[in-house]
Amino acid sequence: MRPAVDVFSEWADVGKDVGMERGHAPAVIEILNAAFEEMNPSALERGFTVVDAGCGNGWVVRMLAEREDCTIAMGVDGATSMIGNALEADPDGMYTCADLMVWHPPEPVDLVHSMEVLYYLDDIPSILRRIKDVWLVPGGVFAFGVDHYAENEDSLSWPEKVGVHMTTYSVKEWIELVEFAGFEVLRCFRSAPSDDWPGTLSVIARNPST
């Protein structure tokens, strides 16, 4: 099995990141809309801050930065070429190439978003705790989506096809992991389903204020 960041760097080099953007956009928009409905209204009024964890070529960061109620949008990814593509598209943007397991934002943010990233990481419980304890403000929202999960049978062959380790959890196990990390799970749903696709497993959770 190869490191996921190496595979994604190669994909970015040949332009596959654009296809990933198109494919993920419907689910991401649903996830973010749900997250905004759960965010503290005061954060939206003063201007919220956000990190996209595993930002790829930065398209979500750029989309969020265009909102009038967004004051800071940052992206972090471990794939060198993905960050290179992000900076090429947006030279003034806030993008960092770093290991998600050790990086953290300069200041805690109101919203952390992540799409199709978590199951590639070696220690999912640890990154969930870091997001809660270090990345997010009290009351902040964590919104993520994963396409590889036990109930999505088509996805179970992906690790072998791609040659990358992917941790497989059921929907119930994902919820339990998030709750065990100390989050309050607000919503769990399937975003952008179709006749031949069960949808992205999507979770909206809050970092408790106390």
N, C-alpha and C. Protein backbone atom coordinates (compact mmCIF):
# COMPACT_ATOMS: atom_id res chain seq x y z
N MET A 1 0.84 -1.20 0.00
CA MET A 1 0.00 0.00 0.00
C MET A 1 0.88 1.26 0.00
N ARG A 2 0.51 2.22 -0.81
CA ARG A 2 1.27 3.46 -0.93
C ARG A 2 0.65 4.55 -0.05
N PRO A 3 1.45 5.55 0.34
CA PRO A 3 0.87 6.68 1.08
C PRO A 3 -0.16 7.41 0.21
N ALA A 4 -1.29 7.75 0.81
CA ALA A 4 -2.34 8.43 0.06
C ALA A 4 -1.87 9.75 -0.51
N VAL A 5 -1.01 10.47 0.24
CA VAL A 5 -0.57 11.78 -0.24
C VAL A 5 0.24 11.66 -1.52
N ASP A 6 0.97 10.56 -1.69
CA ASP A 6 1.73 10.36 -2.92
C ASP A 6 0.80 10.12 -4.10
N VAL A 7 -0.21 9.30 -3.88
CA VAL A 7 -1.18 9.01 -4.94
C VAL A 7 -1.91 10.28 -5.36
N PHE A 8 -2.34 11.07 -4.38
CA PHE A 8 -3.09 12.28 -4.71
C PHE A 8 -2.20 13.34 -5.37
N SER A 9 -0.93 13.38 -5.02
CA SER A 9 -0.02 14.28 -5.71
C SER A 9 0.09 13.90 -7.18
N GLU A 10 0.17 12.62 -7.45
CA GLU A 10 0.24 12.16 -8.84
C GLU A 10 -1.05 12.49 -9.57
N TRP A 11 -2.18 12.33 -8.90
CA TRP A 11 -3.45 12.68 -9.54
C TRP A 11 -3.51 14.16 -9.87
N ALA A 12 -3.01 14.99 -8.95
CA ALA A 12 -2.99 16.44 -9.19
C ALA A 12 -2.10 16.78 -10.37
N ASP A 13 -1.00 16.06 -10.51
CA ASP A 13 -0.06 16.33 -11.61
C ASP A 13 -0.69 16.08 -12.97
N VAL A 14 -1.65 15.17 -13.04
CA VAL A 14 -2.27 14.84 -14.33
C VAL A 14 -3.68 15.40 -14.45
N GLY A 15 -4.07 16.27 -13.53
CA GLY A 15 -5.35 16.96 -13.64
C GLY A 15 -6.56 16.24 -13.10
N LYS A 16 -6.35 15.12 -12.39
CA LYS A 16 -7.49 14.40 -11.84
C LYS A 16 -8.18 15.16 -10.71
N ASP A 17 -7.49 16.14 -10.14
CA ASP A 17 -8.10 16.91 -9.06
C ASP A 17 -9.33 17.67 -9.54
N VAL A 18 -9.36 18.04 -10.80
CA VAL A 18 -10.52 18.76 -11.35
C VAL A 18 -11.73 17.85 -11.37
N GLY A 19 -11.52 16.59 -11.75
CA GLY A 19 -12.62 15.63 -11.75
C GLY A 19 -13.12 15.34 -10.35
N MET A 20 -12.19 15.30 -9.38
CA MET A 20 -12.59 15.10 -7.99
C MET A 20 -13.46 16.26 -7.52
N GLU A 21 -13.09 17.45 -7.91
CA GLU A 21 -13.88 18.64 -7.55
C GLU A 21 -15.29 18.52 -8.08
N ARG A 22 -15.43 18.18 -9.35
CA ARG A 22 -16.77 18.06 -9.95
C ARG A 22 -17.58 16.96 -9.28
N GLY A 23 -16.92 15.84 -9.00
CA GLY A 23 -17.63 14.71 -8.42
C GLY A 23 -18.09 14.96 -6.99
N HIS A 24 -17.29 15.68 -6.23
CA HIS A 24 -17.60 15.89 -4.81
C HIS A 24 -18.49 17.10 -4.57
N ALA A 25 -18.59 18.00 -5.52
CA ALA A 25 -19.28 19.28 -5.29
C ALA A 25 -20.71 19.13 -4.77
N PRO A 26 -21.56 18.27 -5.37
CA PRO A 26 -22.94 18.20 -4.86
C PRO A 26 -23.02 17.81 -3.39
N ALA A 27 -22.21 16.82 -2.98
CA ALA A 27 -22.22 16.41 -1.57
C ALA A 27 -21.67 17.50 -0.67
N VAL A 28 -20.59 18.13 -1.09
CA VAL A 28 -19.97 19.18 -0.27
C VAL A 28 -20.95 20.33 -0.04
N ILE A 29 -21.66 20.72 -1.06
CA ILE A 29 -22.62 21.83 -0.92
C ILE A 29 -23.71 21.46 0.08
N GLU A 30 -24.20 20.22 0.03
CA GLU A 30 -25.20 19.78 1.00
C GLU A 30 -24.63 19.79 2.41
N ILE A 31 -23.41 19.31 2.56
CA ILE A 31 -22.77 19.25 3.88
C ILE A 31 -22.58 20.65 4.44
N LEU A 32 -22.08 21.56 3.63
CA LEU A 32 -21.84 22.92 4.10
C LEU A 32 -23.14 23.64 4.43
N ASN A 33 -24.17 23.44 3.62
CA ASN A 33 -25.46 24.07 3.92
C ASN A 33 -25.98 23.60 5.28
N ALA A 34 -25.83 22.30 5.55
CA ALA A 34 -26.26 21.77 6.84
C ALA A 34 -25.42 22.35 7.98
N ALA A 35 -24.11 22.49 7.72
CA ALA A 35 -23.22 23.06 8.74
C ALA A 35 -23.59 24.49 9.07
N PHE A 36 -23.89 25.29 8.06
CA PHE A 36 -24.24 26.69 8.31
C PHE A 36 -25.54 26.80 9.10
N GLU A 37 -26.46 25.86 8.89
CA GLU A 37 -27.70 25.88 9.65
C GLU A 37 -27.46 25.60 11.14
N GLU A 38 -26.37 24.92 11.45
CA GLU A 38 -26.07 24.57 12.84
C GLU A 38 -25.07 25.51 13.50
N MET A 39 -24.46 26.40 12.73
CA MET A 39 -23.45 27.29 13.29
C MET A 39 -24.07 28.36 14.18
N ASN A 40 -23.28 28.81 15.12
CA ASN A 40 -23.69 29.89 16.01
C ASN A 40 -23.98 31.13 15.17
N PRO A 41 -25.18 31.69 15.27
CA PRO A 41 -25.51 32.87 14.47
C PRO A 41 -24.51 34.02 14.67
N SER A 42 -23.94 34.14 15.86
CA SER A 42 -22.99 35.23 16.10
C SER A 42 -21.74 35.07 15.25
N ALA A 43 -21.34 33.83 14.96
CA ALA A 43 -20.17 33.60 14.11
C ALA A 43 -20.44 34.07 12.69
N LEU A 44 -21.66 33.83 12.21
CA LEU A 44 -22.01 34.28 10.86
C LEU A 44 -22.15 35.80 10.81
N GLU A 45 -22.61 36.39 11.89
CA GLU A 45 -22.79 37.85 11.92
C GLU A 45 -21.45 38.58 11.94
N ARG A 46 -20.50 38.10 12.72
CA ARG A 46 -19.20 38.78 12.81
C ARG A 46 -18.26 38.37 11.69
N GLY A 47 -18.55 37.25 11.04
CA GLY A 47 -17.67 36.72 10.00
C GLY A 47 -16.95 35.48 10.51
N PHE A 48 -17.31 34.32 9.96
CA PHE A 48 -16.77 33.07 10.47
C PHE A 48 -15.40 32.76 9.88
N THR A 49 -14.67 31.89 10.59
CA THR A 49 -13.37 31.39 10.13
C THR A 49 -13.48 29.89 9.90
N VAL A 50 -12.73 29.38 8.92
CA VAL A 50 -12.91 27.98 8.52
C VAL A 50 -11.60 27.37 8.05
N VAL A 51 -11.46 26.08 8.31
CA VAL A 51 -10.37 25.28 7.76
C VAL A 51 -10.98 24.15 6.95
N ASP A 52 -10.44 23.93 5.75
CA ASP A 52 -10.79 22.76 4.96
C ASP A 52 -9.65 21.76 5.12
N ALA A 53 -9.90 20.66 5.82
CA ALA A 53 -8.88 19.66 6.11
C ALA A 53 -8.82 18.64 4.99
N GLY A 54 -7.69 18.61 4.29
CA GLY A 54 -7.57 17.80 3.09
C GLY A 54 -8.17 18.55 1.93
N CYS A 55 -7.68 19.76 1.72
CA CYS A 55 -8.33 20.71 0.81
C CYS A 55 -8.11 20.42 -0.66
N GLY A 56 -7.21 19.49 -1.01
CA GLY A 56 -6.96 19.22 -2.41
C GLY A 56 -6.47 20.46 -3.13
N ASN A 57 -7.08 20.76 -4.26
CA ASN A 57 -6.65 21.93 -5.05
C ASN A 57 -7.26 23.24 -4.56
N GLY A 58 -7.93 23.19 -3.40
CA GLY A 58 -8.40 24.42 -2.77
C GLY A 58 -9.74 24.94 -3.21
N TRP A 59 -10.49 24.16 -3.95
CA TRP A 59 -11.73 24.70 -4.52
C TRP A 59 -12.76 25.05 -3.44
N VAL A 60 -12.81 24.26 -2.36
CA VAL A 60 -13.76 24.58 -1.29
C VAL A 60 -13.33 25.85 -0.55
N VAL A 61 -12.03 26.00 -0.33
CA VAL A 61 -11.52 27.21 0.31
C VAL A 61 -11.91 28.44 -0.50
N ARG A 62 -11.73 28.36 -1.80
CA ARG A 62 -12.05 29.52 -2.66
C ARG A 62 -13.55 29.79 -2.65
N MET A 63 -14.35 28.74 -2.66
CA MET A 63 -15.79 28.91 -2.63
C MET A 63 -16.24 29.58 -1.33
N LEU A 64 -15.68 29.16 -0.21
CA LEU A 64 -16.04 29.74 1.08
C LEU A 64 -15.53 31.17 1.21
N ALA A 65 -14.33 31.43 0.70
CA ALA A 65 -13.73 32.76 0.81
C ALA A 65 -14.56 33.81 0.06
N GLU A 66 -15.35 33.38 -0.91
CA GLU A 66 -16.18 34.31 -1.67
C GLU A 66 -17.40 34.79 -0.89
N ARG A 67 -17.72 34.09 0.20
CA ARG A 67 -18.87 34.50 1.00
C ARG A 67 -18.56 35.78 1.77
N GLU A 68 -19.52 36.67 1.82
CA GLU A 68 -19.33 37.93 2.54
C GLU A 68 -19.19 37.72 4.03
N ASP A 69 -19.75 36.60 4.54
CA ASP A 69 -19.68 36.36 5.98
C ASP A 69 -18.50 35.47 6.38
N CYS A 70 -17.55 35.28 5.48
CA CYS A 70 -16.34 34.50 5.79
C CYS A 70 -15.16 35.46 5.89
N THR A 71 -14.48 35.45 7.03
CA THR A 71 -13.34 36.36 7.20
C THR A 71 -11.99 35.66 6.95
N ILE A 72 -11.90 34.37 7.26
CA ILE A 72 -10.67 33.62 7.02
C ILE A 72 -11.04 32.23 6.53
N ALA A 73 -10.46 31.83 5.41
CA ALA A 73 -10.63 30.47 4.88
C ALA A 73 -9.25 29.89 4.62
N MET A 74 -8.95 28.79 5.27
CA MET A 74 -7.64 28.15 5.15
C MET A 74 -7.80 26.73 4.64
N GLY A 75 -6.81 26.25 3.90
CA GLY A 75 -6.79 24.88 3.45
C GLY A 75 -5.48 24.21 3.80
N VAL A 76 -5.54 22.95 4.19
CA VAL A 76 -4.34 22.18 4.50
C VAL A 76 -4.47 20.81 3.86
N ASP A 77 -3.37 20.34 3.28
CA ASP A 77 -3.36 19.05 2.61
C ASP A 77 -1.94 18.50 2.64
N GLY A 78 -1.82 17.18 2.71
CA GLY A 78 -0.50 16.57 2.74
C GLY A 78 0.08 16.28 1.38
N ALA A 79 -0.70 16.46 0.32
CA ALA A 79 -0.24 16.18 -1.04
C ALA A 79 0.38 17.43 -1.66
N THR A 80 1.66 17.38 -1.91
CA THR A 80 2.40 18.55 -2.38
C THR A 80 1.81 19.16 -3.64
N SER A 81 1.49 18.34 -4.62
CA SER A 81 1.00 18.86 -5.89
C SER A 81 -0.41 19.43 -5.78
N MET A 82 -1.19 18.90 -4.85
CA MET A 82 -2.53 19.48 -4.63
C MET A 82 -2.38 20.92 -4.14
N ILE A 83 -1.50 21.13 -3.16
CA ILE A 83 -1.28 22.48 -2.66
C ILE A 83 -0.66 23.36 -3.75
N GLY A 84 0.20 22.79 -4.56
CA GLY A 84 0.76 23.54 -5.68
C GLY A 84 -0.31 24.03 -6.63
N ASN A 85 -1.28 23.16 -6.93
CA ASN A 85 -2.38 23.56 -7.80
C ASN A 85 -3.26 24.61 -7.14
N ALA A 86 -3.45 24.48 -5.83
CA ALA A 86 -4.25 25.48 -5.11
C ALA A 86 -3.61 26.85 -5.18
N LEU A 87 -2.30 26.91 -4.96
CA LEU A 87 -1.59 28.19 -4.98
C LEU A 87 -1.49 28.75 -6.40
N GLU A 88 -1.43 27.88 -7.38
CA GLU A 88 -1.41 28.36 -8.77
C GLU A 88 -2.74 29.03 -9.13
N ALA A 89 -3.84 28.44 -8.64
CA ALA A 89 -5.16 29.00 -8.91
C ALA A 89 -5.44 30.23 -8.06
N ASP A 90 -4.83 30.29 -6.89
CA ASP A 90 -5.15 31.34 -5.92
C ASP A 90 -3.87 31.72 -5.16
N PRO A 91 -2.97 32.48 -5.80
CA PRO A 91 -1.66 32.76 -5.19
C PRO A 91 -1.74 33.46 -3.84
N ASP A 92 -2.80 34.20 -3.59
CA ASP A 92 -2.93 34.92 -2.33
C ASP A 92 -3.70 34.12 -1.27
N GLY A 93 -4.11 32.90 -1.62
CA GLY A 93 -4.89 32.10 -0.69
C GLY A 93 -4.05 31.52 0.44
N MET A 94 -4.72 31.05 1.47
CA MET A 94 -4.06 30.50 2.65
C MET A 94 -4.08 28.97 2.57
N TYR A 95 -3.02 28.42 1.97
CA TYR A 95 -2.92 26.98 1.78
C TYR A 95 -1.60 26.49 2.39
N THR A 96 -1.66 25.36 3.07
CA THR A 96 -0.49 24.80 3.73
C THR A 96 -0.35 23.33 3.37
N CYS A 97 0.85 22.92 2.99
CA CYS A 97 1.15 21.51 2.78
C CYS A 97 1.71 20.97 4.10
N ALA A 98 0.96 20.08 4.75
CA ALA A 98 1.37 19.60 6.07
C ALA A 98 0.64 18.31 6.40
N ASP A 99 1.18 17.60 7.37
CA ASP A 99 0.56 16.40 7.91
C ASP A 99 -0.59 16.82 8.81
N LEU A 100 -1.79 16.37 8.50
CA LEU A 100 -2.96 16.76 9.29
C LEU A 100 -2.85 16.32 10.74
N MET A 101 -2.07 15.30 11.00
CA MET A 101 -1.96 14.78 12.36
C MET A 101 -1.13 15.68 13.27
N VAL A 102 -0.35 16.59 12.69
CA VAL A 102 0.49 17.46 13.53
C VAL A 102 0.19 18.94 13.32
N TRP A 103 -0.41 19.30 12.19
CA TRP A 103 -0.72 20.71 11.89
C TRP A 103 -1.89 21.18 12.74
N HIS A 104 -1.97 22.47 12.97
CA HIS A 104 -3.16 23.08 13.55
C HIS A 104 -3.23 24.53 13.09
N PRO A 105 -4.41 25.11 13.03
CA PRO A 105 -4.53 26.51 12.61
C PRO A 105 -3.90 27.44 13.63
N PRO A 106 -3.48 28.62 13.20
CA PRO A 106 -2.88 29.58 14.14
C PRO A 106 -3.79 29.92 15.31
N GLU A 107 -5.08 30.01 15.04
CA GLU A 107 -6.09 30.24 16.06
C GLU A 107 -7.26 29.29 15.79
N PRO A 108 -7.96 28.85 16.84
CA PRO A 108 -9.12 27.99 16.62
C PRO A 108 -10.16 28.69 15.74
N VAL A 109 -10.86 27.88 14.94
CA VAL A 109 -11.80 28.42 13.96
C VAL A 109 -13.23 28.01 14.29
N ASP A 110 -14.17 28.63 13.58
CA ASP A 110 -15.59 28.37 13.81
C ASP A 110 -16.08 27.10 13.12
N LEU A 111 -15.44 26.76 12.01
CA LEU A 111 -15.91 25.63 11.20
C LEU A 111 -14.71 24.86 10.65
N VAL A 112 -14.76 23.55 10.78
CA VAL A 112 -13.80 22.67 10.11
C VAL A 112 -14.58 21.77 9.17
N HIS A 113 -14.18 21.77 7.91
CA HIS A 113 -14.81 20.92 6.90
C HIS A 113 -13.79 19.92 6.37
N SER A 114 -14.26 18.73 6.05
CA SER A 114 -13.38 17.72 5.47
C SER A 114 -14.20 16.80 4.58
N MET A 115 -13.73 16.61 3.35
CA MET A 115 -14.43 15.74 2.40
C MET A 115 -13.49 14.68 1.88
N GLU A 116 -13.85 13.42 2.10
CA GLU A 116 -13.13 12.28 1.54
C GLU A 116 -11.66 12.25 1.97
N VAL A 117 -11.43 12.38 3.28
CA VAL A 117 -10.07 12.44 3.80
C VAL A 117 -9.85 11.51 4.99
N LEU A 118 -10.78 11.51 5.94
CA LEU A 118 -10.51 10.94 7.25
C LEU A 118 -10.11 9.47 7.21
N TYR A 119 -10.70 8.68 6.33
CA TYR A 119 -10.42 7.24 6.38
C TYR A 119 -9.04 6.88 5.83
N TYR A 120 -8.34 7.85 5.24
CA TYR A 120 -6.96 7.61 4.81
C TYR A 120 -5.96 7.76 5.96
N LEU A 121 -6.37 8.39 7.03
CA LEU A 121 -5.44 8.71 8.12
C LEU A 121 -5.20 7.49 9.00
N ASP A 122 -3.99 7.42 9.56
CA ASP A 122 -3.60 6.25 10.35
C ASP A 122 -4.29 6.19 11.71
N ASP A 123 -4.59 7.34 12.29
CA ASP A 123 -5.16 7.36 13.63
C ASP A 123 -6.36 8.30 13.65
N ILE A 124 -7.50 7.79 13.25
CA ILE A 124 -8.69 8.62 13.13
C ILE A 124 -9.15 9.15 14.49
N PRO A 125 -9.17 8.34 15.55
CA PRO A 125 -9.57 8.90 16.84
C PRO A 125 -8.72 10.09 17.27
N SER A 126 -7.42 10.03 16.99
CA SER A 126 -6.54 11.13 17.39
C SER A 126 -6.83 12.41 16.62
N ILE A 127 -7.06 12.31 15.30
CA ILE A 127 -7.32 13.53 14.54
C ILE A 127 -8.67 14.12 14.94
N LEU A 128 -9.63 13.27 15.27
CA LEU A 128 -10.92 13.80 15.73
C LEU A 128 -10.76 14.58 17.03
N ARG A 129 -9.95 14.06 17.94
CA ARG A 129 -9.72 14.77 19.21
C ARG A 129 -8.96 16.07 18.97
N ARG A 130 -7.99 16.06 18.05
CA ARG A 130 -7.23 17.29 17.75
C ARG A 130 -8.14 18.35 17.16
N ILE A 131 -9.02 17.94 16.26
CA ILE A 131 -9.94 18.91 15.66
C ILE A 131 -10.81 19.53 16.75
N LYS A 132 -11.30 18.70 17.67
CA LYS A 132 -12.14 19.22 18.74
C LYS A 132 -11.37 20.11 19.70
N ASP A 133 -10.20 19.65 20.14
CA ASP A 133 -9.48 20.32 21.22
C ASP A 133 -8.60 21.47 20.76
N VAL A 134 -8.10 21.42 19.51
CA VAL A 134 -7.10 22.39 19.06
C VAL A 134 -7.58 23.23 17.88
N TRP A 135 -8.33 22.64 16.98
CA TRP A 135 -8.72 23.36 15.76
C TRP A 135 -9.96 24.23 15.95
N LEU A 136 -10.92 23.76 16.73
CA LEU A 136 -12.23 24.41 16.80
C LEU A 136 -12.41 25.25 18.07
N VAL A 137 -13.12 26.35 17.92
CA VAL A 137 -13.54 27.12 19.09
C VAL A 137 -14.63 26.34 19.82
N PRO A 138 -14.84 26.59 21.11
CA PRO A 138 -16.00 26.02 21.80
C PRO A 138 -17.28 26.43 21.06
N GLY A 139 -18.13 25.48 20.79
CA GLY A 139 -19.34 25.76 20.04
C GLY A 139 -19.16 25.68 18.54
N GLY A 140 -17.91 25.48 18.09
CA GLY A 140 -17.64 25.38 16.67
C GLY A 140 -18.19 24.11 16.06
N VAL A 141 -18.29 24.09 14.73
CA VAL A 141 -18.91 22.98 14.01
C VAL A 141 -17.88 22.24 13.17
N PHE A 142 -17.96 20.92 13.22
CA PHE A 142 -17.15 20.03 12.40
C PHE A 142 -18.09 19.33 11.42
N ALA A 143 -17.82 19.47 10.13
CA ALA A 143 -18.67 18.90 9.09
C ALA A 143 -17.80 18.08 8.14
N PHE A 144 -18.13 16.79 7.99
CA PHE A 144 -17.31 15.98 7.10
C PHE A 144 -18.15 14.98 6.33
N GLY A 145 -17.55 14.51 5.23
CA GLY A 145 -18.18 13.49 4.41
C GLY A 145 -17.18 12.42 4.02
N VAL A 146 -17.63 11.17 3.96
CA VAL A 146 -16.80 10.06 3.50
C VAL A 146 -17.63 9.19 2.57
N ASP A 147 -17.00 8.75 1.49
CA ASP A 147 -17.67 7.86 0.54
C ASP A 147 -17.35 6.40 0.80
N HIS A 148 -16.24 6.14 1.50
CA HIS A 148 -15.85 4.77 1.82
C HIS A 148 -16.35 4.43 3.22
N TYR A 149 -17.40 3.63 3.29
CA TYR A 149 -17.94 3.18 4.57
C TYR A 149 -18.60 1.82 4.34
N ALA A 150 -18.79 1.08 5.41
CA ALA A 150 -19.16 -0.33 5.29
C ALA A 150 -20.45 -0.55 4.50
N GLU A 151 -21.43 0.34 4.68
CA GLU A 151 -22.71 0.16 4.00
C GLU A 151 -22.64 0.47 2.52
N ASN A 152 -21.59 1.15 2.08
CA ASN A 152 -21.41 1.44 0.66
C ASN A 152 -20.57 0.30 0.06
N GLU A 153 -21.24 -0.75 -0.36
CA GLU A 153 -20.54 -1.97 -0.77
C GLU A 153 -19.60 -1.74 -1.95
N ASP A 154 -19.96 -0.85 -2.85
CA ASP A 154 -19.08 -0.59 -4.00
C ASP A 154 -17.74 -0.02 -3.58
N SER A 155 -17.71 0.65 -2.43
CA SER A 155 -16.47 1.29 -1.99
C SER A 155 -15.50 0.32 -1.32
N LEU A 156 -15.96 -0.87 -1.00
CA LEU A 156 -15.12 -1.79 -0.22
C LEU A 156 -13.95 -2.33 -1.03
N SER A 157 -14.03 -2.26 -2.34
CA SER A 157 -12.92 -2.71 -3.19
C SER A 157 -11.91 -1.61 -3.48
N TRP A 158 -12.18 -0.39 -3.05
CA TRP A 158 -11.30 0.73 -3.37
C TRP A 158 -9.87 0.59 -2.86
N PRO A 159 -9.64 0.13 -1.62
CA PRO A 159 -8.25 0.04 -1.16
C PRO A 159 -7.38 -0.79 -2.09
N GLU A 160 -7.90 -1.91 -2.55
CA GLU A 160 -7.12 -2.77 -3.44
C GLU A 160 -6.95 -2.12 -4.81
N LYS A 161 -8.02 -1.49 -5.32
CA LYS A 161 -7.96 -0.86 -6.64
C LYS A 161 -6.97 0.31 -6.67
N VAL A 162 -7.02 1.12 -5.62
CA VAL A 162 -6.19 2.33 -5.58
C VAL A 162 -4.79 2.02 -5.04
N GLY A 163 -4.69 0.97 -4.23
CA GLY A 163 -3.41 0.63 -3.62
C GLY A 163 -3.07 1.51 -2.43
N VAL A 164 -4.12 1.95 -1.73
CA VAL A 164 -3.95 2.85 -0.58
C VAL A 164 -4.76 2.31 0.59
N HIS A 165 -4.20 2.39 1.79
CA HIS A 165 -4.94 1.95 2.98
C HIS A 165 -6.14 2.85 3.23
N MET A 166 -7.27 2.23 3.50
CA MET A 166 -8.48 2.95 3.88
C MET A 166 -9.10 2.22 5.06
N THR A 167 -9.37 2.92 6.14
CA THR A 167 -10.03 2.31 7.29
C THR A 167 -11.53 2.27 7.03
N THR A 168 -12.11 1.09 7.19
CA THR A 168 -13.53 0.90 6.91
C THR A 168 -14.33 0.87 8.20
N TYR A 169 -15.25 1.81 8.34
CA TYR A 169 -16.16 1.85 9.48
C TYR A 169 -17.59 1.85 8.97
N SER A 170 -18.49 1.34 9.78
CA SER A 170 -19.91 1.44 9.48
C SER A 170 -20.42 2.83 9.89
N VAL A 171 -21.64 3.13 9.50
CA VAL A 171 -22.24 4.41 9.89
C VAL A 171 -22.27 4.52 11.41
N LYS A 172 -22.70 3.46 12.07
CA LYS A 172 -22.77 3.46 13.53
C LYS A 172 -21.40 3.70 14.15
N GLU A 173 -20.38 3.06 13.59
CA GLU A 173 -19.02 3.23 14.12
C GLU A 173 -18.50 4.64 13.93
N TRP A 174 -18.81 5.27 12.80
CA TRP A 174 -18.39 6.65 12.58
C TRP A 174 -19.03 7.57 13.63
N ILE A 175 -20.32 7.38 13.87
CA ILE A 175 -21.00 8.21 14.87
C ILE A 175 -20.37 8.01 16.24
N GLU A 176 -20.11 6.76 16.59
CA GLU A 176 -19.50 6.47 17.89
C GLU A 176 -18.12 7.09 18.02
N LEU A 177 -17.32 7.05 16.95
CA LEU A 177 -15.99 7.66 16.97
C LEU A 177 -16.07 9.16 17.24
N VAL A 178 -16.99 9.82 16.55
CA VAL A 178 -17.14 11.27 16.70
C VAL A 178 -17.60 11.60 18.12
N GLU A 179 -18.54 10.84 18.62
CA GLU A 179 -19.03 11.09 19.98
C GLU A 179 -17.94 10.79 21.01
N PHE A 180 -17.18 9.73 20.81
CA PHE A 180 -16.12 9.37 21.74
C PHE A 180 -15.05 10.46 21.81
N ALA A 181 -14.85 11.16 20.69
CA ALA A 181 -13.88 12.26 20.66
C ALA A 181 -14.38 13.47 21.44
N GLY A 182 -15.64 13.47 21.83
CA GLY A 182 -16.18 14.56 22.64
C GLY A 182 -17.13 15.48 21.92
N PHE A 183 -17.44 15.18 20.66
CA PHE A 183 -18.38 15.99 19.90
C PHE A 183 -19.82 15.62 20.22
N GLU A 184 -20.70 16.57 19.96
CA GLU A 184 -22.14 16.31 19.94
C GLU A 184 -22.55 16.15 18.49
N VAL A 185 -23.00 14.96 18.11
CA VAL A 185 -23.43 14.73 16.73
C VAL A 185 -24.80 15.37 16.54
N LEU A 186 -24.88 16.28 15.59
CA LEU A 186 -26.11 17.02 15.33
C LEU A 186 -26.92 16.40 14.21
N ARG A 187 -26.24 15.96 13.17
CA ARG A 187 -26.92 15.36 12.02
C ARG A 187 -26.02 14.28 11.41
N CYS A 188 -26.66 13.22 10.92
CA CYS A 188 -25.95 12.21 10.13
C CYS A 188 -26.88 11.83 8.98
N PHE A 189 -26.41 12.00 7.76
CA PHE A 189 -27.27 11.78 6.60
C PHE A 189 -26.43 11.38 5.39
N ARG A 190 -27.09 10.98 4.33
CA ARG A 190 -26.41 10.65 3.07
C ARG A 190 -26.64 11.81 2.10
N SER A 191 -25.57 12.43 1.68
CA SER A 191 -25.70 13.56 0.76
C SER A 191 -25.48 13.11 -0.68
N ALA A 192 -26.20 13.75 -1.57
CA ALA A 192 -26.11 13.53 -3.02
C ALA A 192 -26.28 12.06 -3.42
N PRO A 193 -27.30 11.37 -2.92
CA PRO A 193 -27.52 9.99 -3.37
C PRO A 193 -28.13 9.96 -4.77
N SER A 194 -28.05 8.82 -5.41
CA SER A 194 -28.67 8.63 -6.72
C SER A 194 -29.16 7.18 -6.81
N ASP A 195 -29.70 6.81 -7.96
CA ASP A 195 -30.24 5.46 -8.12
C ASP A 195 -29.16 4.39 -7.94
N ASP A 196 -27.92 4.70 -8.32
CA ASP A 196 -26.86 3.71 -8.23
C ASP A 196 -25.75 4.11 -7.25
N TRP A 197 -26.06 5.06 -6.37
CA TRP A 197 -25.06 5.54 -5.41
C TRP A 197 -25.75 5.84 -4.09
N PRO A 198 -25.31 5.22 -2.99
CA PRO A 198 -26.00 5.41 -1.71
C PRO A 198 -25.80 6.77 -1.08
N GLY A 199 -24.88 7.54 -1.63
CA GLY A 199 -24.63 8.88 -1.11
C GLY A 199 -23.43 8.94 -0.20
N THR A 200 -22.93 10.13 -0.01
CA THR A 200 -21.81 10.38 0.88
C THR A 200 -22.29 10.37 2.33
N LEU A 201 -21.65 9.57 3.16
CA LEU A 201 -21.97 9.60 4.59
C LEU A 201 -21.52 10.94 5.14
N SER A 202 -22.45 11.70 5.66
CA SER A 202 -22.19 13.08 6.06
C SER A 202 -22.54 13.27 7.53
N VAL A 203 -21.64 13.91 8.26
CA VAL A 203 -21.82 14.11 9.69
C VAL A 203 -21.59 15.58 10.03
N ILE A 204 -22.50 16.15 10.78
CA ILE A 204 -22.37 17.50 11.31
C ILE A 204 -22.32 17.38 12.82
N ALA A 205 -21.26 17.89 13.43
CA ALA A 205 -21.07 17.75 14.88
C ALA A 205 -20.64 19.08 15.48
N ARG A 206 -20.89 19.22 16.76
CA ARG A 206 -20.52 20.47 17.46
C ARG A 206 -19.52 20.18 18.57
N ASN A 207 -18.55 21.09 18.69
CA ASN A 207 -17.65 21.08 19.82
C ASN A 207 -18.37 21.74 20.99
N PRO A 208 -18.71 20.98 22.03
CA PRO A 208 -19.51 21.57 23.12
C PRO A 208 -18.85 22.82 23.70
N SER A 209 -19.70 23.74 24.13
CA SER A 209 -19.18 25.00 24.68
C SER A 209 -18.59 24.82 26.06
N THR A 210 -19.00 23.78 26.76
CA THR A 210 -18.50 23.55 28.12
C THR A 210 -17.96 22.13 28.22
